[in-house]
Amino acid sequence: MSWAAILGLAAGAYALKALGIFGLARVRLDGWGLGLVQLLPAALLSALVALQLFETGGTRVLATRLLGVTVGAIAVWKHASLIVVILLAAATTAAARALF
């Protein structure tokens, strides 16, 4: 990849960030637009988790990751605190990798 393409993409990324901060800060959202914007962080986080979960690494790695995410999801469903969710998911994944 050429340096011109890298610099162009970097400039575009900063321009979009600046547009969001300076240009769209004055826009008032209501109704479905506000609801959509409020759901974006959860959707992006879910997409990142799914991407990392199904990343290449073989069936053993996928099984241990899936087990950790499942335990974390159950902890969230049971209304555990964030630190408890993270520790349970990490401990489950580590234990599964040690056993497999």
Protein backbone atom coordinates (compact mmCIF):
# COMPACT_ATOMS: atom_id res chain seq x y z
CA MET A 1 0.00 0.00 0.00
CA SER A 2 1.30 3.44 -0.82
CA TRP A 3 1.92 6.21 1.65
CA ALA A 4 -0.51 8.45 -0.21
CA ALA A 5 -3.34 5.99 0.40
CA ILE A 6 -2.44 5.67 4.10
CA LEU A 7 -2.27 9.43 4.56
CA GLY A 8 -5.51 9.90 2.64
CA LEU A 9 -7.33 7.37 4.79
CA ALA A 10 -5.93 8.94 7.97
CA ALA A 11 -7.06 12.39 6.85
CA GLY A 12 -10.51 11.03 6.03
CA ALA A 13 -10.80 9.39 9.46
CA TYR A 14 -9.85 12.62 11.25
CA ALA A 15 -12.23 14.61 9.05
CA LEU A 16 -15.11 12.31 9.99
CA LYS A 17 -14.25 12.64 13.67
CA ALA A 18 -14.07 16.42 13.40
CA LEU A 19 -17.40 16.46 11.56
CA GLY A 20 -18.99 14.47 14.37
CA ILE A 21 -17.61 16.72 17.07
CA PHE A 22 -17.99 20.14 15.49
CA GLY A 23 -20.66 19.72 12.86
CA LEU A 24 -23.14 17.27 14.31
CA ALA A 25 -22.92 18.49 17.91
CA ARG A 26 -25.46 21.17 17.07
CA VAL A 27 -27.99 18.73 15.61
CA ARG A 28 -30.87 17.95 17.94
CA LEU A 29 -32.09 14.36 17.76
CA ASP A 30 -35.49 13.15 18.81
CA GLY A 31 -37.74 10.21 18.11
CA TRP A 32 -36.28 7.28 16.20
CA GLY A 33 -32.99 9.11 15.48
CA LEU A 34 -32.22 9.41 19.18
CA GLY A 35 -33.11 5.77 19.77
CA LEU A 36 -30.86 4.70 16.90
CA VAL A 37 -27.91 6.71 18.17
CA GLN A 38 -28.37 5.31 21.68
CA LEU A 39 -28.22 1.74 20.34
CA LEU A 40 -25.04 2.24 18.30
CA PRO A 41 -22.49 1.63 21.10
CA ALA A 42 -24.10 -1.68 22.05
CA ALA A 43 -24.23 -2.78 18.42
CA LEU A 44 -20.60 -1.84 17.81
CA LEU A 45 -19.44 -3.61 20.96
CA SER A 46 -21.40 -6.72 20.01
CA ALA A 47 -19.86 -6.68 16.55
CA LEU A 48 -16.35 -6.40 18.01
CA VAL A 49 -17.00 -9.29 20.41
CA ALA A 50 -18.36 -11.45 17.58
CA LEU A 51 -15.39 -10.59 15.37
CA GLN A 52 -12.89 -11.53 18.07
CA LEU A 53 -14.86 -14.64 19.01
CA PHE A 54 -14.90 -16.15 15.53
CA GLU A 55 -11.40 -15.11 14.57
CA THR A 56 -9.24 -17.88 13.16
CA GLY A 57 -7.46 -20.13 15.60
CA GLY A 58 -8.95 -23.57 15.25
CA THR A 59 -11.86 -25.36 16.84
CA ARG A 60 -10.27 -25.62 20.29
CA VAL A 61 -9.70 -21.90 20.52
CA LEU A 62 -13.21 -21.22 19.25
CA ALA A 63 -14.71 -23.64 21.79
CA THR A 64 -12.88 -22.04 24.73
CA ARG A 65 -13.79 -18.52 23.60
CA LEU A 66 -17.40 -19.50 23.11
CA LEU A 67 -17.50 -21.07 26.57
CA GLY A 68 -16.08 -17.89 28.14
CA VAL A 69 -18.52 -15.64 26.30
CA THR A 70 -21.42 -17.90 27.29
CA VAL A 71 -20.46 -17.77 30.97
CA GLY A 72 -20.08 -13.99 30.70
CA ALA A 73 -23.49 -13.67 29.06
CA ILE A 74 -25.09 -15.74 31.81
CA ALA A 75 -23.41 -13.54 34.43
CA VAL A 76 -24.79 -10.44 32.71
CA TRP A 77 -28.24 -12.05 32.58
CA LYS A 78 -28.00 -12.67 36.34
CA HIS A 79 -27.16 -8.96 36.83
CA ALA A 80 -23.58 -9.48 38.03
CA SER A 81 -21.27 -6.48 38.19
CA LEU A 82 -18.92 -5.78 35.31
CA ILE A 83 -15.79 -6.90 37.14
CA VAL A 84 -17.47 -10.18 38.11
CA VAL A 85 -18.54 -10.77 34.50
CA ILE A 86 -15.01 -10.13 33.21
CA LEU A 87 -13.38 -12.32 35.85
CA LEU A 88 -15.82 -15.19 35.34
CA ALA A 89 -15.44 -15.13 31.57
CA ALA A 90 -11.65 -14.90 31.74
CA ALA A 91 -11.36 -17.64 34.36
CA THR A 92 -13.67 -19.94 32.40
CA THR A 93 -11.70 -19.41 29.20
CA ALA A 94 -8.39 -19.96 30.98
CA ALA A 95 -9.63 -23.11 32.70
CA ALA A 96 -11.02 -24.50 29.44
CA ARG A 97 -7.75 -23.84 27.63
CA ALA A 98 -5.83 -25.54 30.44
CA LEU A 99 -8.07 -28.60 30.26
CA PHE A 100 -8.11 -28.84 26.46
